[in-house]
Amino acid sequence: MRTVAHISDLHFGMEDERIVEGLSEDIADFHPSVVVITGDLTQRARKKQFEAAGAFIRKIPVPCLVVPGNHDIPFYNVFRRALQPLRGYRHSITTDLNPVFQDDELMILGANTARAAAFKNGRISTAQIKILADKFSAASSRLFKVLVTHHSFLPPLNDPHAALVGRGALAVEALEPCGIDLLLSGHYHRGTTGDLQSHYVAVKRSILVVQAGTATSTRTRGESNSYDRITIDPPDICFDRYSWDGRRFGKTMTTRYKKVNGAWCLDRIR
């Protein structure tokens, strides 16, 4: 069994300090196997915002896997956006844009989908797809395999026409045979779970998709700040959403799936 804390869209520069402190304490109490952060660490990719995000990450007492989001590329500085789009991220967060976490039960690969030419949307390149496919294919079939991006492969439930990650269908086609089990993302500031087959009709395997809400930003888009605690215990997987109630993070929703005959079946929501 492995546990994952999935947090996203921190947006340092528009963060609520009380929530940041509460999130740090909650993750420390949970003490997951790994923390996954799916992008938008900053609001405007400024030095102080990256420094604050980096300080937050360094306080986490377990391994972290982080990918950038579109807000982590400078918006107003045209020179830096064009020539050094992730300079601040590389300096304060990590130089690794293809991060890997692996242990005896779990393999998590991260892919940068933020692009200087796309101010809001993102995409995955054919080179990235090949790297991911090669790594997932080479890994043992006994591992639970997870792909992490900022931009999602599945639209949120209340916005079926939302823009998805560019070349997403091509990536799905290449990664499906590799035994991938779960996709984690953020971007929309809305917590959602679903199955990739609901959107990609050509997908033959059941693959779960989970989007985290915004963990600490004041830009909540109608939802409370939240993050997900994921318990992976094949053939079962449980997603517990923890939401901020003004004083602390508390569990507000549990979604359980069980893998039956190769398909993820919704076991229970409460």
C-alpha atoms as a PDB file:
ATOM      1  CA  MET A   1       0.000   0.000   0.000  1.00  0.00           C
ATOM      2  CA  ARG A   2       1.165   3.521  -0.824  1.00  0.00           C
ATOM      3  CA  THR A   3      -0.235   6.945   0.035  1.00  0.00           C
ATOM      4  CA  VAL A   4       0.019  10.102  -2.065  1.00  0.00           C
ATOM      5  CA  ALA A   5      -0.803  13.719  -1.219  1.00  0.00           C
ATOM      6  CA  HIS A   6      -1.888  15.414  -4.448  1.00  0.00           C
ATOM      7  CA  ILE A   7      -1.769  19.211  -4.233  1.00  0.00           C
ATOM      8  CA  SER A   8      -2.020  21.728  -7.037  1.00  0.00           C
ATOM      9  CA  ASP A   9      -2.289  25.387  -8.019  1.00  0.00           C
ATOM     10  CA  LEU A  10      -0.599  26.899  -4.984  1.00  0.00           C
ATOM     11  CA  HIS A  11      -0.288  30.304  -6.692  1.00  0.00           C
ATOM     12  CA  PHE A  12       2.205  31.895  -4.318  1.00  0.00           C
ATOM     13  CA  GLY A  13       1.648  35.609  -4.766  1.00  0.00           C
ATOM     14  CA  MET A  14      -2.094  35.128  -4.272  1.00  0.00           C
ATOM     15  CA  GLU A  15      -1.887  32.604  -1.457  1.00  0.00           C
ATOM     16  CA  ASP A  16      -3.715  32.631   1.876  1.00  0.00           C
ATOM     17  CA  GLU A  17      -0.998  32.355   4.521  1.00  0.00           C
ATOM     18  CA  ARG A  18      -3.297  30.611   7.011  1.00  0.00           C
ATOM     19  CA  ILE A  19      -4.093  27.938   4.455  1.00  0.00           C
ATOM     20  CA  VAL A  20      -0.418  27.491   3.533  1.00  0.00           C
ATOM     21  CA  GLU A  21       0.425  26.876   7.193  1.00  0.00           C
ATOM     22  CA  GLY A  22      -2.571  24.579   7.604  1.00  0.00           C
ATOM     23  CA  LEU A  23      -1.587  22.592   4.513  1.00  0.00           C
ATOM     24  CA  SER A  24       1.985  22.155   5.753  1.00  0.00           C
ATOM     25  CA  GLU A  25       0.734  20.869   9.089  1.00  0.00           C
ATOM     26  CA  ASP A  26      -1.826  18.565   7.484  1.00  0.00           C
ATOM     27  CA  ILE A  27       0.694  16.965   5.135  1.00  0.00           C
ATOM     28  CA  ALA A  28       3.151  16.487   7.992  1.00  0.00           C
ATOM     29  CA  ASP A  29       0.444  14.750  10.040  1.00  0.00           C
ATOM     30  CA  PHE A  30      -0.577  12.579   7.063  1.00  0.00           C
ATOM     31  CA  HIS A  31       3.056  11.712   6.233  1.00  0.00           C
ATOM     32  CA  PRO A  32       2.352  10.194   2.781  1.00  0.00           C
ATOM     33  CA  SER A  33       4.747   8.067   0.761  1.00  0.00           C
ATOM     34  CA  VAL A  34       5.147  10.983  -1.686  1.00  0.00           C
ATOM     35  CA  VAL A  35       3.707  14.445  -2.338  1.00  0.00           C
ATOM     36  CA  VAL A  36       2.760  15.253  -5.941  1.00  0.00           C
ATOM     37  CA  ILE A  37       2.430  18.943  -6.891  1.00  0.00           C
ATOM     38  CA  THR A  38       0.760  19.493 -10.261  1.00  0.00           C
ATOM     39  CA  GLY A  39       1.884  22.977 -11.225  1.00  0.00           C
ATOM     40  CA  ASP A  40       1.090  26.678 -10.909  1.00  0.00           C
ATOM     41  CA  LEU A  41       3.322  27.127  -7.901  1.00  0.00           C
ATOM     42  CA  THR A  42       3.316  30.896  -8.482  1.00  0.00           C
ATOM     43  CA  GLN A  43       0.883  33.544  -9.660  1.00  0.00           C
ATOM     44  CA  ARG A  44       3.221  35.508 -11.945  1.00  0.00           C
ATOM     45  CA  ALA A  45       6.523  33.571 -11.962  1.00  0.00           C
ATOM     46  CA  ARG A  46       8.288  36.248  -9.906  1.00  0.00           C
ATOM     47  CA  LYS A  47      11.430  35.615  -7.887  1.00  0.00           C
ATOM     48  CA  LYS A  48       9.861  36.104  -4.458  1.00  0.00           C
ATOM     49  CA  GLN A  49       6.929  33.887  -5.408  1.00  0.00           C
ATOM     50  CA  PHE A  50       9.250  31.074  -6.461  1.00  0.00           C
ATOM     51  CA  GLU A  51      11.298  31.536  -3.301  1.00  0.00           C
ATOM     52  CA  ALA A  52       8.151  31.221  -1.181  1.00  0.00           C
ATOM     53  CA  ALA A  53       7.065  28.123  -3.099  1.00  0.00           C
ATOM     54  CA  GLY A  54      10.524  26.600  -2.735  1.00  0.00           C
ATOM     55  CA  ALA A  55      10.521  27.251   1.011  1.00  0.00           C
ATOM     56  CA  PHE A  56       7.123  25.567   1.306  1.00  0.00           C
ATOM     57  CA  ILE A  57       8.320  22.491  -0.586  1.00  0.00           C
ATOM     58  CA  ARG A  58      11.515  22.200   1.468  1.00  0.00           C
ATOM     59  CA  LYS A  59       9.429  21.968   4.646  1.00  0.00           C
ATOM     60  CA  ILE A  60       7.630  18.849   3.388  1.00  0.00           C
ATOM     61  CA  PRO A  61       9.144  15.880   5.281  1.00  0.00           C
ATOM     62  CA  VAL A  62       8.658  13.284   2.509  1.00  0.00           C
ATOM     63  CA  PRO A  63       9.737  13.006  -1.160  1.00  0.00           C
ATOM     64  CA  CYS A  64       8.089  15.465  -3.570  1.00  0.00           C
ATOM     65  CA  LEU A  65       7.490  15.220  -7.305  1.00  0.00           C
ATOM     66  CA  VAL A  66       6.736  18.592  -8.894  1.00  0.00           C
ATOM     67  CA  VAL A  67       5.837  19.796 -12.404  1.00  0.00           C
ATOM     68  CA  PRO A  68       5.383  23.427 -13.529  1.00  0.00           C
ATOM     69  CA  GLY A  69       2.184  25.074 -14.730  1.00  0.00           C
ATOM     70  CA  ASN A  70       1.441  27.896 -17.153  1.00  0.00           C
ATOM     71  CA  HIS A  71       1.569  30.477 -14.337  1.00  0.00           C
ATOM     72  CA  ASP A  72       5.179  29.459 -13.675  1.00  0.00           C
ATOM     73  CA  ILE A  73       6.186  31.090 -16.974  1.00  0.00           C
ATOM     74  CA  PRO A  74       6.542  34.919 -16.910  1.00  0.00           C
ATOM     75  CA  PHE A  75       3.453  36.669 -18.256  1.00  0.00           C
ATOM     76  CA  TYR A  76       4.595  40.284 -18.673  1.00  0.00           C
ATOM     77  CA  ASN A  77       8.349  39.879 -19.196  1.00  0.00           C
ATOM     78  CA  VAL A  78       8.395  39.146 -22.925  1.00  0.00           C
ATOM     79  CA  PHE A  79      12.163  38.514 -23.078  1.00  0.00           C
ATOM     80  CA  ARG A  80      12.176  35.976 -20.263  1.00  0.00           C
ATOM     81  CA  ARG A  81       8.988  34.362 -21.519  1.00  0.00           C
ATOM     82  CA  ALA A  82      10.518  33.789 -24.937  1.00  0.00           C
ATOM     83  CA  LEU A  83      14.097  32.861 -24.003  1.00  0.00           C
ATOM     84  CA  GLN A  84      14.088  31.720 -20.353  1.00  0.00           C
ATOM     85  CA  PRO A  85      10.498  30.679 -19.620  1.00  0.00           C
ATOM     86  CA  LEU A  86      11.267  28.409 -16.645  1.00  0.00           C
ATOM     87  CA  ARG A  87      14.388  30.119 -15.283  1.00  0.00           C
ATOM     88  CA  GLY A  88      12.766  30.954 -11.936  1.00  0.00           C
ATOM     89  CA  TYR A  89      11.275  27.496 -11.600  1.00  0.00           C
ATOM     90  CA  ARG A  90      14.616  25.830 -12.326  1.00  0.00           C
ATOM     91  CA  HIS A  91      16.424  28.090  -9.846  1.00  0.00           C
ATOM     92  CA  SER A  92      14.058  27.811  -6.883  1.00  0.00           C
ATOM     93  CA  ILE A  93      12.155  24.539  -7.400  1.00  0.00           C
ATOM     94  CA  THR A  94      14.019  21.981  -9.530  1.00  0.00           C
ATOM     95  CA  THR A  95      15.974  21.672 -12.772  1.00  0.00           C
ATOM     96  CA  ASP A  96      14.305  18.348 -13.490  1.00  0.00           C
ATOM     97  CA  LEU A  97      11.376  18.813 -15.885  1.00  0.00           C
ATOM     98  CA  ASN A  98      10.889  15.039 -16.244  1.00  0.00           C
ATOM     99  CA  PRO A  99      10.830  13.978 -12.583  1.00  0.00           C
ATOM    100  CA  VAL A 100      10.547  10.358 -11.466  1.00  0.00           C
ATOM    101  CA  PHE A 101       9.503   8.757  -8.200  1.00  0.00           C
ATOM    102  CA  GLN A 102       9.785   5.008  -7.909  1.00  0.00           C
ATOM    103  CA  ASP A 103       9.786   2.457  -5.124  1.00  0.00           C
ATOM    104  CA  ASP A 104       8.821  -1.216  -4.856  1.00  0.00           C
ATOM    105  CA  GLU A 105       5.116  -0.573  -5.543  1.00  0.00           C
ATOM    106  CA  LEU A 106       4.771   2.759  -7.304  1.00  0.00           C
ATOM    107  CA  MET A 107       6.156   4.544 -10.374  1.00  0.00           C
ATOM    108  CA  ILE A 108       5.282   8.195 -10.922  1.00  0.00           C
ATOM    109  CA  LEU A 109       6.501  10.167 -13.948  1.00  0.00           C
ATOM    110  CA  GLY A 110       6.071  13.915 -14.349  1.00  0.00           C
ATOM    111  CA  ALA A 111       5.871  15.819 -17.647  1.00  0.00           C
ATOM    112  CA  ASN A 112       6.048  19.571 -18.184  1.00  0.00           C
ATOM    113  CA  THR A 113       3.050  20.736 -20.240  1.00  0.00           C
ATOM    114  CA  ALA A 114       3.603  24.500 -19.754  1.00  0.00           C
ATOM    115  CA  ARG A 115       4.625  26.322 -22.928  1.00  0.00           C
ATOM    116  CA  ALA A 116       5.784  29.897 -23.498  1.00  0.00           C
ATOM    117  CA  ALA A 117       3.727  30.137 -26.680  1.00  0.00           C
ATOM    118  CA  ALA A 118       0.513  29.146 -24.867  1.00  0.00           C
ATOM    119  CA  PHE A 119      -0.538  31.664 -22.238  1.00  0.00           C
ATOM    120  CA  LYS A 120      -3.116  29.425 -20.574  1.00  0.00           C
ATOM    121  CA  ASN A 121      -3.343  26.075 -22.284  1.00  0.00           C
ATOM    122  CA  GLY A 122      -0.574  23.509 -22.462  1.00  0.00           C
ATOM    123  CA  ARG A 123       0.647  20.624 -24.534  1.00  0.00           C
ATOM    124  CA  ILE A 124       2.862  17.585 -24.477  1.00  0.00           C
ATOM    125  CA  SER A 125       5.493  17.037 -27.146  1.00  0.00           C
ATOM    126  CA  THR A 126       6.099  13.934 -29.232  1.00  0.00           C
ATOM    127  CA  ALA A 127       9.574  13.683 -27.679  1.00  0.00           C
ATOM    128  CA  GLN A 128       8.060  13.704 -24.194  1.00  0.00           C
ATOM    129  CA  ILE A 129       5.534  11.061 -25.187  1.00  0.00           C
ATOM    130  CA  LYS A 130       8.320   8.766 -26.389  1.00  0.00           C
ATOM    131  CA  ILE A 131      10.351   9.260 -23.199  1.00  0.00           C
ATOM    132  CA  LEU A 132       7.321   8.513 -21.033  1.00  0.00           C
ATOM    133  CA  ALA A 133       6.325   5.470 -23.080  1.00  0.00           C
ATOM    134  CA  ASP A 134       9.862   4.068 -22.952  1.00  0.00           C
ATOM    135  CA  LYS A 135      10.101   4.511 -19.180  1.00  0.00           C
ATOM    136  CA  PHE A 136       6.674   3.085 -18.415  1.00  0.00           C
ATOM    137  CA  SER A 137       7.202   0.146 -20.802  1.00  0.00           C
ATOM    138  CA  ALA A 138      10.564  -0.708 -19.240  1.00  0.00           C
ATOM    139  CA  ALA A 139       9.110  -0.740 -15.725  1.00  0.00           C
ATOM    140  CA  SER A 140       7.746  -3.865 -14.084  1.00  0.00           C
ATOM    141  CA  SER A 141       4.067  -4.629 -14.673  1.00  0.00           C
ATOM    142  CA  ARG A 142       3.775  -5.075 -10.914  1.00  0.00           C
ATOM    143  CA  LEU A 143       4.218  -1.324 -10.372  1.00  0.00           C
ATOM    144  CA  PHE A 144       1.226   1.007 -10.120  1.00  0.00           C
ATOM    145  CA  LYS A 145       1.973   3.589 -12.823  1.00  0.00           C
ATOM    146  CA  VAL A 146       1.034   7.272 -12.560  1.00  0.00           C
ATOM    147  CA  LEU A 147       1.513  10.188 -14.975  1.00  0.00           C
ATOM    148  CA  VAL A 148       1.608  13.729 -13.566  1.00  0.00           C
ATOM    149  CA  THR A 149       0.951  16.903 -15.606  1.00  0.00           C
ATOM    150  CA  HIS A 150      -0.435  20.361 -14.904  1.00  0.00           C
ATOM    151  CA  HIS A 151      -2.872  20.420 -17.815  1.00  0.00           C
ATOM    152  CA  SER A 152      -5.538  17.763 -17.855  1.00  0.00           C
ATOM    153  CA  PHE A 153      -6.511  15.002 -20.255  1.00  0.00           C
ATOM    154  CA  LEU A 154     -10.137  15.138 -19.094  1.00  0.00           C
ATOM    155  CA  PRO A 155     -12.494  18.149 -18.836  1.00  0.00           C
ATOM    156  CA  PRO A 156     -14.062  19.035 -15.468  1.00  0.00           C
ATOM    157  CA  LEU A 157     -17.606  17.790 -14.970  1.00  0.00           C
ATOM    158  CA  ASN A 158     -19.161  21.254 -15.146  1.00  0.00           C
ATOM    159  CA  ASP A 159     -17.256  22.326 -18.283  1.00  0.00           C
ATOM    160  CA  PRO A 160     -17.256  19.517 -20.872  1.00  0.00           C
ATOM    161  CA  HIS A 161     -15.826  21.812 -23.581  1.00  0.00           C
ATOM    162  CA  ALA A 162     -12.803  22.997 -21.555  1.00  0.00           C
ATOM    163  CA  ALA A 163      -9.472  22.981 -23.386  1.00  0.00           C
ATOM    164  CA  LEU A 164      -7.361  19.901 -22.742  1.00  0.00           C
ATOM    165  CA  VAL A 165      -3.644  19.276 -23.002  1.00  0.00           C
ATOM    166  CA  GLY A 166      -2.471  19.520 -26.600  1.00  0.00           C
ATOM    167  CA  ARG A 167      -1.569  16.193 -28.259  1.00  0.00           C
ATOM    168  CA  GLY A 168      -3.419  14.498 -25.420  1.00  0.00           C
ATOM    169  CA  ALA A 169      -5.035  11.939 -27.717  1.00  0.00           C
ATOM    170  CA  LEU A 170      -1.629  11.068 -29.205  1.00  0.00           C
ATOM    171  CA  ALA A 171      -0.180  10.656 -25.707  1.00  0.00           C
ATOM    172  CA  VAL A 172      -3.063   8.456 -24.606  1.00  0.00           C
ATOM    173  CA  GLU A 173      -2.633   6.234 -27.647  1.00  0.00           C
ATOM    174  CA  ALA A 174       1.077   5.766 -26.910  1.00  0.00           C
ATOM    175  CA  LEU A 175       0.820   5.383 -23.135  1.00  0.00           C
ATOM    176  CA  GLU A 176      -2.221   3.121 -22.883  1.00  0.00           C
ATOM    177  CA  PRO A 177      -0.280  -0.068 -23.826  1.00  0.00           C
ATOM    178  CA  CYS A 178       2.340   0.753 -21.163  1.00  0.00           C
ATOM    179  CA  GLY A 179       0.004  -0.189 -18.319  1.00  0.00           C
ATOM    180  CA  ILE A 180      -0.599   3.313 -16.983  1.00  0.00           C
ATOM    181  CA  ASP A 181      -3.172   3.326 -14.149  1.00  0.00           C
ATOM    182  CA  LEU A 182      -3.704   6.947 -13.095  1.00  0.00           C
ATOM    183  CA  LEU A 183      -3.336  10.511 -14.421  1.00  0.00           C
ATOM    184  CA  LEU A 184      -2.972  13.395 -11.953  1.00  0.00           C
ATOM    185  CA  SER A 185      -3.372  17.053 -12.927  1.00  0.00           C
ATOM    186  CA  GLY A 186      -4.686  20.442 -11.810  1.00  0.00           C
ATOM    187  CA  HIS A 187      -5.209  23.725 -13.705  1.00  0.00           C
ATOM    188  CA  TYR A 188      -8.997  24.110 -13.411  1.00  0.00           C
ATOM    189  CA  HIS A 189      -9.130  24.760  -9.631  1.00  0.00           C
ATOM    190  CA  ARG A 190     -11.843  22.128  -9.403  1.00  0.00           C
ATOM    191  CA  GLY A 191     -11.558  18.680  -7.856  1.00  0.00           C
ATOM    192  CA  THR A 192     -12.706  15.931 -10.235  1.00  0.00           C
ATOM    193  CA  THR A 193     -12.327  12.174 -10.650  1.00  0.00           C
ATOM    194  CA  GLY A 194     -13.220  10.152 -13.732  1.00  0.00           C
ATOM    195  CA  ASP A 195     -12.216   7.506 -16.245  1.00  0.00           C
ATOM    196  CA  LEU A 196     -10.294   8.339 -19.415  1.00  0.00           C
ATOM    197  CA  GLN A 197     -12.652   6.114 -21.395  1.00  0.00           C
ATOM    198  CA  SER A 198     -15.476   8.610 -20.830  1.00  0.00           C
ATOM    199  CA  HIS A 199     -13.766  11.090 -23.181  1.00  0.00           C
ATOM    200  CA  TYR A 200     -11.466   9.077 -25.465  1.00  0.00           C
ATOM    201  CA  VAL A 201     -13.604   6.532 -27.297  1.00  0.00           C
ATOM    202  CA  ALA A 202     -10.573   4.728 -28.723  1.00  0.00           C
ATOM    203  CA  VAL A 203      -9.143   3.943 -25.270  1.00  0.00           C
ATOM    204  CA  LYS A 204      -9.415   0.213 -24.581  1.00  0.00           C
ATOM    205  CA  ARG A 205      -8.153   0.239 -20.972  1.00  0.00           C
ATOM    206  CA  SER A 206      -9.772   1.794 -17.949  1.00  0.00           C
ATOM    207  CA  ILE A 207      -7.485   4.612 -16.709  1.00  0.00           C
ATOM    208  CA  LEU A 208      -8.414   6.870 -13.809  1.00  0.00           C
ATOM    209  CA  VAL A 209      -8.029  10.657 -14.030  1.00  0.00           C
ATOM    210  CA  VAL A 210      -7.933  12.932 -10.982  1.00  0.00           C
ATOM    211  CA  GLN A 211      -7.765  16.719 -10.964  1.00  0.00           C
ATOM    212  CA  ALA A 212      -6.996  18.509  -7.723  1.00  0.00           C
ATOM    213  CA  GLY A 213      -8.526  21.849  -6.783  1.00  0.00           C
ATOM    214  CA  THR A 214      -6.428  24.818  -5.741  1.00  0.00           C
ATOM    215  CA  ALA A 215      -4.699  24.104  -2.454  1.00  0.00           C
ATOM    216  CA  THR A 216      -3.813  27.593  -1.215  1.00  0.00           C
ATOM    217  CA  SER A 217      -4.845  30.260  -3.757  1.00  0.00           C
ATOM    218  CA  THR A 218      -7.529  32.859  -3.121  1.00  0.00           C
ATOM    219  CA  ARG A 219      -8.753  32.157  -6.693  1.00  0.00           C
ATOM    220  CA  THR A 220     -11.019  29.259  -5.725  1.00  0.00           C
ATOM    221  CA  ARG A 221     -13.575  29.432  -8.590  1.00  0.00           C
ATOM    222  CA  GLY A 222     -16.519  28.441  -6.440  1.00  0.00           C
ATOM    223  CA  GLU A 223     -14.851  25.590  -4.532  1.00  0.00           C
ATOM    224  CA  SER A 224     -13.114  25.571  -1.168  1.00  0.00           C
ATOM    225  CA  ASN A 225      -9.351  25.179  -1.141  1.00  0.00           C
ATOM    226  CA  SER A 226      -8.588  21.472  -1.148  1.00  0.00           C
ATOM    227  CA  TYR A 227      -6.134  18.702  -1.818  1.00  0.00           C
ATOM    228  CA  ASP A 228      -6.449  14.922  -2.237  1.00  0.00           C
ATOM    229  CA  ARG A 229      -5.145  12.070  -0.153  1.00  0.00           C
ATOM    230  CA  ILE A 230      -4.805   8.984  -2.325  1.00  0.00           C
ATOM    231  CA  THR A 231      -4.458   5.468  -0.928  1.00  0.00           C
ATOM    232  CA  ILE A 232      -3.239   2.948  -3.497  1.00  0.00           C
ATOM    233  CA  ASP A 233      -3.777  -0.652  -2.448  1.00  0.00           C
ATOM    234  CA  PRO A 234      -4.438  -2.654  -5.662  1.00  0.00           C
ATOM    235  CA  PRO A 235      -7.008  -3.689  -6.680  1.00  0.00           C
ATOM    236  CA  ASP A 236      -8.447  -0.831  -4.597  1.00  0.00           C
ATOM    237  CA  ILE A 237      -7.779   2.897  -4.743  1.00  0.00           C
ATOM    238  CA  CYS A 238      -9.318   5.552  -2.511  1.00  0.00           C
ATOM    239  CA  PHE A 239      -9.428   9.320  -3.032  1.00  0.00           C
ATOM    240  CA  ASP A 240     -10.134  11.422   0.054  1.00  0.00           C
ATOM    241  CA  ARG A 241     -10.672  15.110  -0.595  1.00  0.00           C
ATOM    242  CA  TYR A 242      -9.584  17.389   2.241  1.00  0.00           C
ATOM    243  CA  SER A 243     -11.070  20.897   2.144  1.00  0.00           C
ATOM    244  CA  TRP A 244     -10.341  24.069   4.104  1.00  0.00           C
ATOM    245  CA  ASP A 245     -13.188  25.078   6.413  1.00  0.00           C
ATOM    246  CA  GLY A 246     -11.695  28.386   7.570  1.00  0.00           C
ATOM    247  CA  ARG A 247      -9.643  26.825  10.368  1.00  0.00           C
ATOM    248  CA  ARG A 248      -8.266  23.531   9.135  1.00  0.00           C
ATOM    249  CA  PHE A 249      -8.383  20.890   6.398  1.00  0.00           C
ATOM    250  CA  GLY A 250     -11.013  18.217   6.916  1.00  0.00           C
ATOM    251  CA  LYS A 251     -12.249  15.275   4.867  1.00  0.00           C
ATOM    252  CA  THR A 252     -15.257  16.275   2.753  1.00  0.00           C
ATOM    253  CA  MET A 253     -15.526  13.492   0.158  1.00  0.00           C
ATOM    254  CA  THR A 254     -14.356   9.918  -0.328  1.00  0.00           C
ATOM    255  CA  THR A 255     -14.363   8.197  -3.715  1.00  0.00           C
ATOM    256  CA  ARG A 256     -13.391   4.535  -3.973  1.00  0.00           C
ATOM    257  CA  TYR A 257     -12.646   2.427  -7.023  1.00  0.00           C
ATOM    258  CA  LYS A 258     -11.978  -1.284  -7.354  1.00  0.00           C
ATOM    259  CA  LYS A 259     -10.345  -2.923 -10.357  1.00  0.00           C
ATOM    260  CA  VAL A 260     -12.539  -5.749 -11.598  1.00  0.00           C
ATOM    261  CA  ASN A 261     -11.572  -7.735 -14.713  1.00  0.00           C
ATOM    262  CA  GLY A 262      -9.169  -4.986 -15.733  1.00  0.00           C
ATOM    263  CA  ALA A 263     -11.662  -2.113 -15.338  1.00  0.00           C
ATOM    264  CA  TRP A 264     -11.876   0.497 -12.595  1.00  0.00           C
ATOM    265  CA  CYS A 265     -15.364   0.254 -11.096  1.00  0.00           C
ATOM    266  CA  LEU A 266     -16.768   2.960  -8.859  1.00  0.00           C
ATOM    267  CA  ASP A 267     -17.127   1.262  -5.486  1.00  0.00           C
ATOM    268  CA  ARG A 268     -18.507   4.081  -3.333  1.00  0.00           C
ATOM    269  CA  ILE A 269     -18.832   7.850  -3.000  1.00  0.00           C
ATOM    270  CA  ARG A 270     -19.662   9.508   0.277  1.00  0.00           C
END
